[in-house]
Amino acid sequence: MADSSWDTYTPDAPRRPAWGWVLGALGGAILIGAVLVAGLAAVARGSRSGAWPLVQNVVTRLRTDDRALDLYRRNPALVERYASEADFLARVREFRDGLRLAESEPAPGPEFRVSSSPFDVRVRHRAAGGTWIEVGMAFGGPFRPAPPGEGLVRLNLAKDPKDLRRRSAPRAPAP
């Protein structure tokens, strides 16, 4: 005998209205955006926490001519500010006595300012010896390659914070 189940009527499942699909997609996009923003903020906090060790490392290397030249050679981006090793070394010697740092990290304020993103960190600090130093480090990212060398892209020294942006030497000619 034939089974009669083939002849049974089942109504269609209720369909979700179009506005329901739109709200669901919008909610998903908001959730993904919130996760991305939280992740980027965590990475930026991480680069911010390494700001003081970065300044200490750079200042330690600037204390002798040999280590200062090694810093210059390992960071090709410094050529944009200092056209030659001699220009770089002359600038470092001029400000070396004023590059004494405190033992501990200073509190954020006008004399110690850190700005960071997931891709870079920039520190501006007035050393205990009176010299202003601005250090910038760049990192690679998903859409940005890492800079050549150690990643140091900015190193400025000055007696006045207004002078940190001035070039000490003309740019080197392009090859």
N, C-alpha and C. Protein backbone atom coordinates (compact mmCIF):
# COMPACT_ATOMS: atom_id res chain seq x y z
N MET A 1 0.81 -1.16 0.00
CA MET A 1 0.00 0.00 0.00
C MET A 1 0.87 1.24 0.00
N ALA A 2 0.42 2.29 -0.62
CA ALA A 2 1.17 3.52 -0.75
C ALA A 2 1.10 4.33 0.54
N ASP A 3 2.17 4.98 0.79
CA ASP A 3 2.25 5.85 1.96
C ASP A 3 1.55 7.17 1.63
N SER A 4 0.73 7.65 2.50
CA SER A 4 -0.02 8.88 2.21
C SER A 4 0.70 10.14 2.64
N SER A 5 1.94 10.04 3.14
CA SER A 5 2.65 11.21 3.63
C SER A 5 3.03 12.17 2.50
N TRP A 6 3.08 11.67 1.29
CA TRP A 6 3.45 12.53 0.18
C TRP A 6 2.36 13.53 -0.13
N ASP A 7 1.22 13.32 0.35
CA ASP A 7 0.07 14.13 0.01
C ASP A 7 -0.29 15.13 1.11
N THR A 8 0.57 15.28 2.09
CA THR A 8 0.20 16.18 3.18
C THR A 8 0.61 17.61 2.87
N TYR A 9 -0.15 18.53 3.32
CA TYR A 9 0.09 19.94 3.08
C TYR A 9 0.81 20.53 4.28
N THR A 10 1.95 21.20 4.02
CA THR A 10 2.63 21.94 5.09
C THR A 10 2.75 23.39 4.64
N PRO A 11 2.29 24.30 5.44
CA PRO A 11 2.36 25.71 5.05
C PRO A 11 3.81 26.19 5.07
N ASP A 12 4.13 27.22 4.23
CA ASP A 12 5.47 27.79 4.19
C ASP A 12 5.80 28.43 5.55
N ALA A 13 7.08 28.34 5.91
CA ALA A 13 7.52 28.96 7.15
C ALA A 13 7.36 30.48 6.99
N PRO A 14 7.06 31.17 8.06
CA PRO A 14 6.89 32.62 7.95
C PRO A 14 8.21 33.26 7.52
N ARG A 15 8.14 34.21 6.63
CA ARG A 15 9.32 34.88 6.09
C ARG A 15 9.68 36.09 6.96
N ARG A 16 10.95 36.31 7.08
CA ARG A 16 11.44 37.46 7.83
C ARG A 16 11.26 38.70 6.96
N PRO A 17 10.73 39.78 7.50
CA PRO A 17 10.55 40.99 6.68
C PRO A 17 11.90 41.59 6.30
N ALA A 18 11.93 42.38 5.24
CA ALA A 18 13.16 42.98 4.72
C ALA A 18 13.84 43.86 5.75
N TRP A 19 13.09 44.60 6.53
CA TRP A 19 13.70 45.47 7.52
C TRP A 19 14.42 44.65 8.59
N GLY A 20 14.01 43.43 8.82
CA GLY A 20 14.70 42.56 9.76
C GLY A 20 16.09 42.20 9.27
N TRP A 21 16.22 41.94 7.97
CA TRP A 21 17.53 41.64 7.40
C TRP A 21 18.45 42.85 7.49
N VAL A 22 17.89 44.03 7.23
CA VAL A 22 18.70 45.26 7.28
C VAL A 22 19.19 45.50 8.70
N LEU A 23 18.31 45.36 9.70
CA LEU A 23 18.71 45.57 11.08
C LEU A 23 19.75 44.54 11.53
N GLY A 24 19.60 43.30 11.09
CA GLY A 24 20.57 42.27 11.43
C GLY A 24 21.95 42.57 10.84
N ALA A 25 21.98 43.00 9.59
CA ALA A 25 23.25 43.33 8.95
C ALA A 25 23.89 44.55 9.62
N LEU A 26 23.08 45.55 9.96
CA LEU A 26 23.59 46.74 10.62
C LEU A 26 24.17 46.40 12.00
N GLY A 27 23.47 45.57 12.73
CA GLY A 27 23.96 45.15 14.04
C GLY A 27 25.28 44.40 13.94
N GLY A 28 25.40 43.54 12.94
CA GLY A 28 26.66 42.82 12.73
C GLY A 28 27.80 43.76 12.38
N ALA A 29 27.53 44.75 11.54
CA ALA A 29 28.57 45.71 11.16
C ALA A 29 29.02 46.53 12.37
N ILE A 30 28.08 46.92 13.21
CA ILE A 30 28.42 47.68 14.41
C ILE A 30 29.28 46.84 15.35
N LEU A 31 28.94 45.58 15.49
CA LEU A 31 29.70 44.69 16.36
C LEU A 31 31.13 44.51 15.84
N ILE A 32 31.28 44.29 14.56
CA ILE A 32 32.61 44.12 13.97
C ILE A 32 33.42 45.41 14.12
N GLY A 33 32.79 46.57 13.89
CA GLY A 33 33.48 47.85 14.04
C GLY A 33 33.94 48.07 15.48
N ALA A 34 33.10 47.73 16.45
CA ALA A 34 33.46 47.90 17.85
C ALA A 34 34.65 47.02 18.22
N VAL A 35 34.68 45.80 17.72
CA VAL A 35 35.80 44.90 18.00
C VAL A 35 37.08 45.44 17.38
N LEU A 36 37.01 45.95 16.15
CA LEU A 36 38.20 46.51 15.51
C LEU A 36 38.72 47.73 16.25
N VAL A 37 37.84 48.62 16.65
CA VAL A 37 38.26 49.83 17.37
C VAL A 37 38.90 49.45 18.70
N ALA A 38 38.31 48.51 19.41
CA ALA A 38 38.88 48.07 20.69
C ALA A 38 40.26 47.45 20.48
N GLY A 39 40.42 46.68 19.42
CA GLY A 39 41.72 46.07 19.13
C GLY A 39 42.77 47.10 18.80
N LEU A 40 42.42 48.08 17.96
CA LEU A 40 43.37 49.14 17.61
C LEU A 40 43.74 49.98 18.83
N ALA A 41 42.79 50.24 19.70
CA ALA A 41 43.07 51.01 20.91
C ALA A 41 44.03 50.24 21.82
N ALA A 42 43.86 48.94 21.91
CA ALA A 42 44.77 48.12 22.73
C ALA A 42 46.18 48.14 22.17
N VAL A 43 46.31 48.07 20.86
CA VAL A 43 47.64 48.13 20.23
C VAL A 43 48.26 49.50 20.46
N ALA A 44 47.47 50.56 20.35
CA ALA A 44 48.01 51.91 20.57
C ALA A 44 48.47 52.07 22.02
N ARG A 45 47.74 51.53 22.97
CA ARG A 45 48.16 51.58 24.37
C ARG A 45 49.48 50.84 24.55
N GLY A 46 49.63 49.75 23.84
CA GLY A 46 50.87 48.98 23.93
C GLY A 46 52.06 49.76 23.41
N SER A 47 51.89 50.46 22.28
CA SER A 47 53.00 51.25 21.75
C SER A 47 53.27 52.46 22.64
N ARG A 48 52.24 52.97 23.29
CA ARG A 48 52.39 54.10 24.21
C ARG A 48 53.19 53.71 25.44
N SER A 49 53.03 52.47 25.89
CA SER A 49 53.75 52.03 27.08
C SER A 49 55.23 51.86 26.80
N GLY A 50 55.63 51.72 25.55
CA GLY A 50 57.04 51.58 25.20
C GLY A 50 57.72 52.90 24.90
N ALA A 51 57.05 54.02 25.13
CA ALA A 51 57.59 55.33 24.77
C ALA A 51 58.82 55.69 25.61
N TRP A 52 58.75 55.54 26.91
CA TRP A 52 59.88 55.91 27.76
C TRP A 52 61.10 55.03 27.51
N PRO A 53 60.95 53.70 27.40
CA PRO A 53 62.13 52.89 27.05
C PRO A 53 62.74 53.29 25.69
N LEU A 54 61.90 53.73 24.75
CA LEU A 54 62.41 54.19 23.46
C LEU A 54 63.31 55.41 23.64
N VAL A 55 62.85 56.39 24.42
CA VAL A 55 63.64 57.60 24.66
C VAL A 55 64.95 57.23 25.38
N GLN A 56 64.86 56.37 26.39
CA GLN A 56 66.06 55.96 27.12
C GLN A 56 67.07 55.28 26.19
N ASN A 57 66.59 54.41 25.31
CA ASN A 57 67.47 53.71 24.38
C ASN A 57 68.18 54.70 23.46
N VAL A 58 67.42 55.63 22.89
CA VAL A 58 68.02 56.59 21.96
C VAL A 58 69.03 57.47 22.67
N VAL A 59 68.69 58.00 23.83
CA VAL A 59 69.60 58.89 24.56
C VAL A 59 70.86 58.13 24.97
N THR A 60 70.73 56.89 25.39
CA THR A 60 71.90 56.09 25.74
C THR A 60 72.83 55.93 24.55
N ARG A 61 72.27 55.73 23.38
CA ARG A 61 73.08 55.55 22.18
C ARG A 61 73.71 56.87 21.72
N LEU A 62 73.13 58.00 22.07
CA LEU A 62 73.69 59.29 21.67
C LEU A 62 74.85 59.74 22.56
N ARG A 63 75.13 59.02 23.63
CA ARG A 63 76.17 59.44 24.57
C ARG A 63 77.59 59.33 24.02
N THR A 64 77.82 58.46 23.04
CA THR A 64 79.15 58.35 22.44
C THR A 64 79.03 58.52 20.93
N ASP A 65 80.09 58.98 20.32
CA ASP A 65 80.08 59.20 18.87
C ASP A 65 79.87 57.90 18.10
N ASP A 66 80.53 56.84 18.53
CA ASP A 66 80.41 55.56 17.81
C ASP A 66 78.98 55.03 17.84
N ARG A 67 78.36 55.06 18.99
CA ARG A 67 76.98 54.56 19.10
C ARG A 67 76.00 55.48 18.40
N ALA A 68 76.28 56.79 18.41
CA ALA A 68 75.41 57.74 17.70
C ALA A 68 75.47 57.50 16.20
N LEU A 69 76.66 57.28 15.68
CA LEU A 69 76.80 56.98 14.25
C LEU A 69 76.13 55.65 13.90
N ASP A 70 76.23 54.68 14.78
CA ASP A 70 75.55 53.40 14.56
C ASP A 70 74.03 53.61 14.48
N LEU A 71 73.50 54.45 15.35
CA LEU A 71 72.07 54.76 15.32
C LEU A 71 71.69 55.41 13.99
N TYR A 72 72.49 56.35 13.53
CA TYR A 72 72.23 57.03 12.25
C TYR A 72 72.27 56.03 11.09
N ARG A 73 73.25 55.18 11.08
CA ARG A 73 73.40 54.22 9.98
C ARG A 73 72.30 53.17 9.95
N ARG A 74 71.79 52.81 11.09
CA ARG A 74 70.75 51.76 11.16
C ARG A 74 69.34 52.30 10.91
N ASN A 75 69.20 53.60 10.76
CA ASN A 75 67.89 54.22 10.56
C ASN A 75 67.93 55.17 9.37
N PRO A 76 67.74 54.65 8.17
CA PRO A 76 67.86 55.46 6.95
C PRO A 76 66.91 56.65 6.89
N ALA A 77 65.82 56.63 7.62
CA ALA A 77 64.88 57.76 7.59
C ALA A 77 65.49 59.03 8.19
N LEU A 78 66.54 58.89 8.99
CA LEU A 78 67.16 60.07 9.58
C LEU A 78 67.88 60.93 8.55
N VAL A 79 68.13 60.40 7.37
CA VAL A 79 68.79 61.15 6.30
C VAL A 79 67.91 62.34 5.87
N GLU A 80 66.60 62.24 6.06
CA GLU A 80 65.72 63.35 5.69
C GLU A 80 65.98 64.59 6.55
N ARG A 81 66.43 64.39 7.77
CA ARG A 81 66.69 65.53 8.65
C ARG A 81 68.17 65.89 8.68
N TYR A 82 69.03 64.90 8.63
CA TYR A 82 70.47 65.12 8.68
C TYR A 82 71.08 64.59 7.40
N ALA A 83 71.62 65.46 6.57
CA ALA A 83 72.08 65.09 5.24
C ALA A 83 73.30 64.18 5.24
N SER A 84 74.10 64.23 6.31
CA SER A 84 75.29 63.39 6.34
C SER A 84 75.58 62.97 7.78
N GLU A 85 76.47 62.02 7.91
CA GLU A 85 76.88 61.56 9.23
C GLU A 85 77.53 62.70 10.01
N ALA A 86 78.30 63.52 9.32
CA ALA A 86 78.98 64.65 9.97
C ALA A 86 77.96 65.65 10.53
N ASP A 87 76.90 65.94 9.77
CA ASP A 87 75.85 66.85 10.25
C ASP A 87 75.15 66.26 11.47
N PHE A 88 74.85 64.98 11.41
CA PHE A 88 74.18 64.31 12.53
C PHE A 88 75.06 64.36 13.77
N LEU A 89 76.31 64.01 13.62
CA LEU A 89 77.22 63.97 14.75
C LEU A 89 77.44 65.37 15.34
N ALA A 90 77.52 66.38 14.50
CA ALA A 90 77.68 67.75 14.99
C ALA A 90 76.46 68.17 15.82
N ARG A 91 75.28 67.79 15.37
CA ARG A 91 74.05 68.13 16.11
C ARG A 91 74.01 67.40 17.44
N VAL A 92 74.37 66.14 17.43
CA VAL A 92 74.37 65.36 18.67
C VAL A 92 75.38 65.93 19.66
N ARG A 93 76.56 66.26 19.20
CA ARG A 93 77.59 66.83 20.09
C ARG A 93 77.13 68.15 20.70
N GLU A 94 76.42 68.94 19.91
CA GLU A 94 75.93 70.24 20.39
C GLU A 94 74.98 70.08 21.57
N PHE A 95 74.18 69.03 21.56
CA PHE A 95 73.14 68.86 22.59
C PHE A 95 73.42 67.73 23.57
N ARG A 96 74.52 67.06 23.44
CA ARG A 96 74.80 65.87 24.26
C ARG A 96 74.78 66.18 25.76
N ASP A 97 75.36 67.28 26.19
CA ASP A 97 75.42 67.59 27.62
C ASP A 97 74.04 67.79 28.23
N GLY A 98 73.08 68.25 27.45
CA GLY A 98 71.74 68.49 27.97
C GLY A 98 70.82 67.29 27.91
N LEU A 99 71.33 66.13 27.49
CA LEU A 99 70.50 64.93 27.34
C LEU A 99 70.59 64.00 28.55
N ARG A 100 70.48 64.57 29.74
CA ARG A 100 70.42 63.75 30.95
C ARG A 100 68.96 63.45 31.24
N LEU A 101 68.66 62.19 31.49
CA LEU A 101 67.28 61.79 31.75
C LEU A 101 67.07 61.46 33.22
N ALA A 102 65.84 61.62 33.66
CA ALA A 102 65.46 61.21 35.01
C ALA A 102 65.49 59.68 35.07
N GLU A 103 65.58 59.15 36.27
CA GLU A 103 65.62 57.69 36.44
C GLU A 103 64.29 57.01 36.09
N SER A 104 63.21 57.70 36.40
CA SER A 104 61.90 57.09 36.16
C SER A 104 61.13 57.89 35.10
N GLU A 105 60.12 57.25 34.57
CA GLU A 105 59.31 57.89 33.53
C GLU A 105 58.57 59.09 34.11
N PRO A 106 58.68 60.25 33.46
CA PRO A 106 57.96 61.42 33.95
C PRO A 106 56.45 61.29 33.72
N ALA A 107 55.71 62.06 34.48
CA ALA A 107 54.26 62.09 34.30
C ALA A 107 53.93 62.83 33.00
N PRO A 108 52.87 62.41 32.32
CA PRO A 108 52.49 63.13 31.10
C PRO A 108 52.19 64.59 31.40
N GLY A 109 52.62 65.45 30.52
CA GLY A 109 52.42 66.88 30.70
C GLY A 109 53.11 67.62 29.57
N PRO A 110 53.30 68.93 29.75
CA PRO A 110 53.92 69.70 28.66
C PRO A 110 55.37 69.31 28.38
N GLU A 111 56.06 68.74 29.37
CA GLU A 111 57.46 68.38 29.16
C GLU A 111 57.65 66.90 28.83
N PHE A 112 56.59 66.14 28.80
CA PHE A 112 56.65 64.75 28.37
C PHE A 112 55.32 64.42 27.71
N ARG A 113 55.34 64.40 26.40
CA ARG A 113 54.11 64.18 25.65
C ARG A 113 54.30 62.99 24.70
N VAL A 114 53.35 62.09 24.73
CA VAL A 114 53.40 60.90 23.88
C VAL A 114 52.15 60.89 23.01
N SER A 115 52.33 60.69 21.72
CA SER A 115 51.19 60.46 20.84
C SER A 115 51.48 59.16 20.10
N SER A 116 50.47 58.31 20.05
CA SER A 116 50.69 57.00 19.44
C SER A 116 49.47 56.55 18.66
N SER A 117 49.73 55.63 17.77
CA SER A 117 48.70 54.96 17.01
C SER A 117 49.17 53.52 16.87
N PRO A 118 48.37 52.67 16.26
CA PRO A 118 48.86 51.30 16.06
C PRO A 118 50.07 51.23 15.14
N PHE A 119 50.36 52.30 14.40
CA PHE A 119 51.42 52.26 13.41
C PHE A 119 52.66 53.06 13.78
N ASP A 120 52.56 53.93 14.80
CA ASP A 120 53.73 54.72 15.18
C ASP A 120 53.57 55.27 16.59
N VAL A 121 54.67 55.76 17.11
CA VAL A 121 54.67 56.44 18.40
C VAL A 121 55.64 57.62 18.29
N ARG A 122 55.25 58.75 18.87
CA ARG A 122 56.09 59.94 18.86
C ARG A 122 56.15 60.47 20.29
N VAL A 123 57.38 60.76 20.74
CA VAL A 123 57.59 61.25 22.09
C VAL A 123 58.33 62.58 22.01
N ARG A 124 57.83 63.54 22.76
CA ARG A 124 58.51 64.84 22.89
C ARG A 124 58.77 65.02 24.38
N HIS A 125 60.06 65.26 24.71
CA HIS A 125 60.43 65.31 26.12
C HIS A 125 61.52 66.35 26.35
N ARG A 126 61.41 67.03 27.47
CA ARG A 126 62.47 67.94 27.91
C ARG A 126 63.30 67.18 28.93
N ALA A 127 64.54 66.89 28.55
CA ALA A 127 65.43 66.13 29.42
C ALA A 127 65.80 66.96 30.64
N ALA A 128 66.29 66.28 31.68
CA ALA A 128 66.67 66.97 32.91
C ALA A 128 67.79 67.97 32.65
N GLY A 129 68.58 67.76 31.62
CA GLY A 129 69.65 68.68 31.27
C GLY A 129 69.19 69.89 30.48
N GLY A 130 67.91 69.95 30.12
CA GLY A 130 67.35 71.11 29.43
C GLY A 130 67.14 70.94 27.94
N THR A 131 67.70 69.92 27.34
CA THR A 131 67.54 69.71 25.90
C THR A 131 66.19 69.06 25.61
N TRP A 132 65.54 69.54 24.58
CA TRP A 132 64.30 68.93 24.11
C TRP A 132 64.66 67.85 23.08
N ILE A 133 64.01 66.72 23.19
CA ILE A 133 64.23 65.63 22.25
C ILE A 133 62.88 65.15 21.74
N GLU A 134 62.81 64.93 20.45
CA GLU A 134 61.61 64.38 19.84
C GLU A 134 62.03 63.11 19.09
N VAL A 135 61.41 62.01 19.45
CA VAL A 135 61.74 60.71 18.88
C VAL A 135 60.48 60.13 18.27
N GLY A 136 60.58 59.61 17.06
CA GLY A 136 59.45 58.96 16.41
C GLY A 136 59.84 57.58 15.91
N MET A 137 59.02 56.60 16.20
CA MET A 137 59.25 55.22 15.77
C MET A 137 58.02 54.78 15.00
N ALA A 138 58.23 54.17 13.84
CA ALA A 138 57.13 53.66 13.03
C ALA A 138 57.17 52.14 13.02
N PHE A 139 55.99 51.55 12.92
CA PHE A 139 55.85 50.10 12.88
C PHE A 139 55.16 49.72 11.58
N GLY A 140 55.36 48.53 11.15
CA GLY A 140 54.63 48.03 9.99
C GLY A 140 53.20 47.69 10.39
N GLY A 141 52.37 47.52 9.41
CA GLY A 141 50.98 47.16 9.66
C GLY A 141 50.44 46.34 8.52
N PRO A 142 49.16 46.04 8.57
CA PRO A 142 48.60 45.20 7.51
C PRO A 142 48.63 45.88 6.13
N PHE A 143 48.58 47.19 6.10
CA PHE A 143 48.57 47.90 4.82
C PHE A 143 49.78 48.81 4.66
N ARG A 144 50.73 48.70 5.58
CA ARG A 144 51.89 49.57 5.57
C ARG A 144 53.13 48.73 5.87
N PRO A 145 54.12 48.77 5.00
CA PRO A 145 55.33 48.00 5.29
C PRO A 145 56.12 48.64 6.43
N ALA A 146 56.90 47.85 7.10
CA ALA A 146 57.75 48.38 8.17
C ALA A 146 58.82 49.27 7.54
N PRO A 147 59.18 50.36 8.21
CA PRO A 147 60.23 51.23 7.67
C PRO A 147 61.57 50.50 7.67
N PRO A 148 62.48 50.91 6.82
CA PRO A 148 63.78 50.25 6.79
C PRO A 148 64.56 50.51 8.08
N GLY A 149 65.44 49.60 8.38
CA GLY A 149 66.28 49.77 9.57
C GLY A 149 65.53 49.40 10.83
N GLU A 150 65.84 50.12 11.90
CA GLU A 150 65.24 49.84 13.21
C GLU A 150 63.86 50.46 13.38
N GLY A 151 63.45 51.31 12.48
CA GLY A 151 62.13 51.93 12.57
C GLY A 151 62.13 53.34 13.10
N LEU A 152 63.30 53.86 13.49
CA LEU A 152 63.37 55.23 13.97
C LEU A 152 63.22 56.17 12.78
N VAL A 153 62.18 56.98 12.77
CA VAL A 153 61.91 57.85 11.64
C VAL A 153 62.05 59.33 11.98
N ARG A 154 62.23 59.63 13.28
CA ARG A 154 62.34 61.03 13.69
C ARG A 154 63.26 61.10 14.90
N LEU A 155 64.21 62.03 14.83
CA LEU A 155 65.07 62.33 15.97
C LEU A 155 65.46 63.79 15.85
N ASN A 156 64.88 64.60 16.70
CA ASN A 156 65.14 66.03 16.69
C ASN A 156 65.65 66.46 18.06
N LEU A 157 66.60 67.36 18.07
CA LEU A 157 67.17 67.90 19.30
C LEU A 157 67.12 69.41 19.22
N ALA A 158 66.79 70.07 20.34
CA ALA A 158 66.71 71.54 20.34
C ALA A 158 66.73 72.07 21.77
N LYS A 159 67.06 73.35 21.89
CA LYS A 159 66.99 74.03 23.19
C LYS A 159 65.58 74.52 23.48
N ASP A 160 64.81 74.77 22.42
CA ASP A 160 63.45 75.29 22.53
C ASP A 160 62.52 74.33 21.78
N PRO A 161 61.36 74.00 22.33
CA PRO A 161 60.48 73.05 21.64
C PRO A 161 60.00 73.55 20.28
N LYS A 162 60.00 74.87 20.07
CA LYS A 162 59.59 75.41 18.77
C LYS A 162 60.59 75.07 17.67
N ASP A 163 61.83 74.82 18.07
CA ASP A 163 62.88 74.52 17.10
C ASP A 163 62.96 73.04 16.73
N LEU A 164 62.13 72.20 17.30
CA LEU A 164 62.20 70.77 17.00
C LEU A 164 61.83 70.45 15.56
N ARG A 165 61.02 71.26 14.94
CA ARG A 165 60.57 70.98 13.58
C ARG A 165 61.54 71.51 12.51
N ARG A 166 62.45 72.38 12.89
CA ARG A 166 63.38 72.96 11.91
C ARG A 166 64.42 71.93 11.49
N ARG A 167 64.80 72.00 10.26
CA ARG A 167 65.84 71.09 9.74
C ARG A 167 67.21 71.65 10.10
N SER A 168 68.10 70.76 10.49
CA SER A 168 69.45 71.21 10.80
C SER A 168 70.32 71.29 9.56
N ALA A 169 69.90 70.59 8.51
CA ALA A 169 70.69 70.57 7.28
C ALA A 169 69.74 70.39 6.11
N PRO A 170 70.14 70.80 4.93
CA PRO A 170 69.27 70.58 3.77
C PRO A 170 69.12 69.10 3.49
N ARG A 171 68.00 68.75 2.89
CA ARG A 171 67.78 67.35 2.52
C ARG A 171 68.82 66.87 1.53
N ALA A 172 69.14 65.61 1.66
CA ALA A 172 70.09 65.01 0.74
C ALA A 172 69.41 64.91 -0.63
N PRO A 173 70.16 65.12 -1.69
CA PRO A 173 69.56 65.00 -3.03
C PRO A 173 69.11 63.57 -3.30
N ALA A 174 68.05 63.45 -4.07
CA ALA A 174 67.53 62.12 -4.42
C ALA A 174 68.50 61.44 -5.37
N PRO A 175 68.68 60.12 -5.20
CA PRO A 175 69.63 59.41 -6.07
C PRO A 175 69.14 59.30 -7.48
